[in-house]
Amino acid sequence: MKHAGIIRRIQVTEKGTILGAQNQFQLEVAVKARKPEICQAVEKQFGVHVLAVNTQNYKGETRVLRNRRTARTSDWKRAIVTLKPGERIEAV
């Protein structure tokens, strides 16, 4: 998988700000991305050193539309990346 398509966005959430104090950051990544690929993409894109990557998979929700048909939102994956002390990822 190419580095450009792995990182979707930085997640700025309440949990993410708490993790920021521990030098960890949340990223939404491609569903098929593996941990070594995520590590390399973060290091290349943000110029930081990654110590660990933890991932979580989320299934899309089923929603009922107005006309009683159902639609399903996309599956997605979150990566919590631990960086070397003193380094940060700046959210734009």
C-alpha atoms as a PDB file:
ATOM      1  CA  MET A   1       0.000   0.000   0.000  1.00  0.00           C
ATOM      2  CA  LYS A   2       1.345   3.480  -0.860  1.00  0.00           C
ATOM      3  CA  HIS A   3       2.162   5.882   1.963  1.00  0.00           C
ATOM      4  CA  ALA A   4      -0.056   8.652   0.558  1.00  0.00           C
ATOM      5  CA  GLY A   5      -3.283   6.652   0.894  1.00  0.00           C
ATOM      6  CA  ILE A   6      -2.733   5.231   4.373  1.00  0.00           C
ATOM      7  CA  ILE A   7      -3.374   8.221   6.660  1.00  0.00           C
ATOM      8  CA  ARG A   8      -6.874   9.626   6.186  1.00  0.00           C
ATOM      9  CA  ARG A   9      -6.981  12.298   8.925  1.00  0.00           C
ATOM     10  CA  ILE A  10      -5.887  13.204  12.432  1.00  0.00           C
ATOM     11  CA  GLN A  11      -8.691  12.663  14.938  1.00  0.00           C
ATOM     12  CA  VAL A  12      -9.128  15.538  17.373  1.00  0.00           C
ATOM     13  CA  THR A  13     -11.324  14.165  20.152  1.00  0.00           C
ATOM     14  CA  GLU A  14     -11.586  14.344  23.915  1.00  0.00           C
ATOM     15  CA  LYS A  15      -9.793  11.013  24.248  1.00  0.00           C
ATOM     16  CA  GLY A  16      -7.155  12.216  21.811  1.00  0.00           C
ATOM     17  CA  THR A  17      -6.306  15.251  23.919  1.00  0.00           C
ATOM     18  CA  ILE A  18      -5.881  13.020  26.984  1.00  0.00           C
ATOM     19  CA  LEU A  19      -3.599  10.697  24.997  1.00  0.00           C
ATOM     20  CA  GLY A  20      -1.610  13.711  23.778  1.00  0.00           C
ATOM     21  CA  ALA A  21      -0.257  14.153  27.303  1.00  0.00           C
ATOM     22  CA  GLN A  22       1.209  10.630  27.020  1.00  0.00           C
ATOM     23  CA  ASN A  23       2.769  11.448  23.628  1.00  0.00           C
ATOM     24  CA  GLN A  24       0.179   9.363  21.738  1.00  0.00           C
ATOM     25  CA  PHE A  25      -1.926  10.539  18.789  1.00  0.00           C
ATOM     26  CA  GLN A  26      -5.044   9.175  17.074  1.00  0.00           C
ATOM     27  CA  LEU A  27      -5.183   8.821  13.301  1.00  0.00           C
ATOM     28  CA  GLU A  28      -7.881   7.503  11.017  1.00  0.00           C
ATOM     29  CA  VAL A  29      -6.145   5.158   8.583  1.00  0.00           C
ATOM     30  CA  ALA A  30      -7.034   2.907   5.651  1.00  0.00           C
ATOM     31  CA  VAL A  31      -8.828  -0.308   6.633  1.00  0.00           C
ATOM     32  CA  LYS A  32      -6.280  -2.547   4.888  1.00  0.00           C
ATOM     33  CA  ALA A  33      -3.224  -0.771   6.333  1.00  0.00           C
ATOM     34  CA  ARG A  34      -0.961  -2.865   8.561  1.00  0.00           C
ATOM     35  CA  LYS A  35       1.037  -1.630  11.555  1.00  0.00           C
ATOM     36  CA  PRO A  36       4.459  -1.472   9.808  1.00  0.00           C
ATOM     37  CA  GLU A  37       2.906   0.448   6.900  1.00  0.00           C
ATOM     38  CA  ILE A  38       1.252   2.909   9.290  1.00  0.00           C
ATOM     39  CA  CYS A  39       4.554   3.400  11.125  1.00  0.00           C
ATOM     40  CA  GLN A  40       6.450   4.155   7.916  1.00  0.00           C
ATOM     41  CA  ALA A  41       3.729   6.495   6.621  1.00  0.00           C
ATOM     42  CA  VAL A  42       3.645   8.534   9.854  1.00  0.00           C
ATOM     43  CA  GLU A  43       7.430   8.809   9.983  1.00  0.00           C
ATOM     44  CA  LYS A  44       7.614   9.905   6.350  1.00  0.00           C
ATOM     45  CA  GLN A  45       4.664  12.322   6.374  1.00  0.00           C
ATOM     46  CA  PHE A  46       5.233  14.046   9.735  1.00  0.00           C
ATOM     47  CA  GLY A  47       8.999  13.607  10.200  1.00  0.00           C
ATOM     48  CA  VAL A  48       8.767  11.968  13.646  1.00  0.00           C
ATOM     49  CA  HIS A  49      10.004   8.713  15.205  1.00  0.00           C
ATOM     50  CA  VAL A  50       7.307   6.142  16.035  1.00  0.00           C
ATOM     51  CA  LEU A  51       7.798   3.828  19.007  1.00  0.00           C
ATOM     52  CA  ALA A  52       4.524   1.823  18.814  1.00  0.00           C
ATOM     53  CA  VAL A  53       1.316   1.517  16.786  1.00  0.00           C
ATOM     54  CA  ASN A  54      -1.962   0.142  18.151  1.00  0.00           C
ATOM     55  CA  THR A  55      -4.969  -0.311  15.872  1.00  0.00           C
ATOM     56  CA  GLN A  56      -8.722  -0.613  16.340  1.00  0.00           C
ATOM     57  CA  ASN A  57     -11.212  -1.727  13.690  1.00  0.00           C
ATOM     58  CA  TYR A  58     -14.727  -0.279  13.611  1.00  0.00           C
ATOM     59  CA  LYS A  59     -17.678  -1.703  11.680  1.00  0.00           C
ATOM     60  CA  GLY A  60     -20.002   0.665   9.876  1.00  0.00           C
ATOM     61  CA  GLU A  61     -23.432   1.333  11.351  1.00  0.00           C
ATOM     62  CA  THR A  62     -26.681   0.281   9.716  1.00  0.00           C
ATOM     63  CA  ARG A  63     -29.057   3.220   9.390  1.00  0.00           C
ATOM     64  CA  VAL A  64     -32.727   3.277   8.473  1.00  0.00           C
ATOM     65  CA  LEU A  65     -33.608   5.837   5.829  1.00  0.00           C
ATOM     66  CA  ARG A  66     -36.902   7.752   5.652  1.00  0.00           C
ATOM     67  CA  ASN A  67     -38.422   5.305   3.205  1.00  0.00           C
ATOM     68  CA  ARG A  68     -37.575   2.346   5.484  1.00  0.00           C
ATOM     69  CA  ARG A  69     -34.655   1.204   3.373  1.00  0.00           C
ATOM     70  CA  THR A  70     -31.389   0.534   5.153  1.00  0.00           C
ATOM     71  CA  ALA A  71     -27.963   1.908   4.363  1.00  0.00           C
ATOM     72  CA  ARG A  72     -24.637   1.027   5.918  1.00  0.00           C
ATOM     73  CA  THR A  73     -21.841   3.475   6.682  1.00  0.00           C
ATOM     74  CA  SER A  74     -18.269   2.538   5.812  1.00  0.00           C
ATOM     75  CA  ASP A  75     -16.001   0.461   8.021  1.00  0.00           C
ATOM     76  CA  TRP A  76     -12.982   2.368   9.332  1.00  0.00           C
ATOM     77  CA  LYS A  77      -9.795   1.876  11.307  1.00  0.00           C
ATOM     78  CA  ARG A  78      -8.117   3.951  14.026  1.00  0.00           C
ATOM     79  CA  ALA A  79      -4.419   3.900  14.836  1.00  0.00           C
ATOM     80  CA  ILE A  80      -3.029   5.171  18.130  1.00  0.00           C
ATOM     81  CA  VAL A  81       0.596   6.095  17.467  1.00  0.00           C
ATOM     82  CA  THR A  82       3.141   6.501  20.274  1.00  0.00           C
ATOM     83  CA  LEU A  83       5.949   8.915  19.435  1.00  0.00           C
ATOM     84  CA  LYS A  84       9.431   9.476  20.830  1.00  0.00           C
ATOM     85  CA  PRO A  85       9.412  11.849  23.845  1.00  0.00           C
ATOM     86  CA  GLY A  86       9.505  15.511  22.812  1.00  0.00           C
ATOM     87  CA  GLU A  87       8.015  14.947  19.330  1.00  0.00           C
ATOM     88  CA  ARG A  88       4.512  15.987  18.285  1.00  0.00           C
ATOM     89  CA  ILE A  89       2.110  15.762  15.359  1.00  0.00           C
ATOM     90  CA  GLU A  90       0.533  19.158  14.737  1.00  0.00           C
ATOM     91  CA  ALA A  91      -3.176  19.049  13.828  1.00  0.00           C
ATOM     92  CA  VAL A  92      -4.021  21.565  11.116  1.00  0.00           C
END
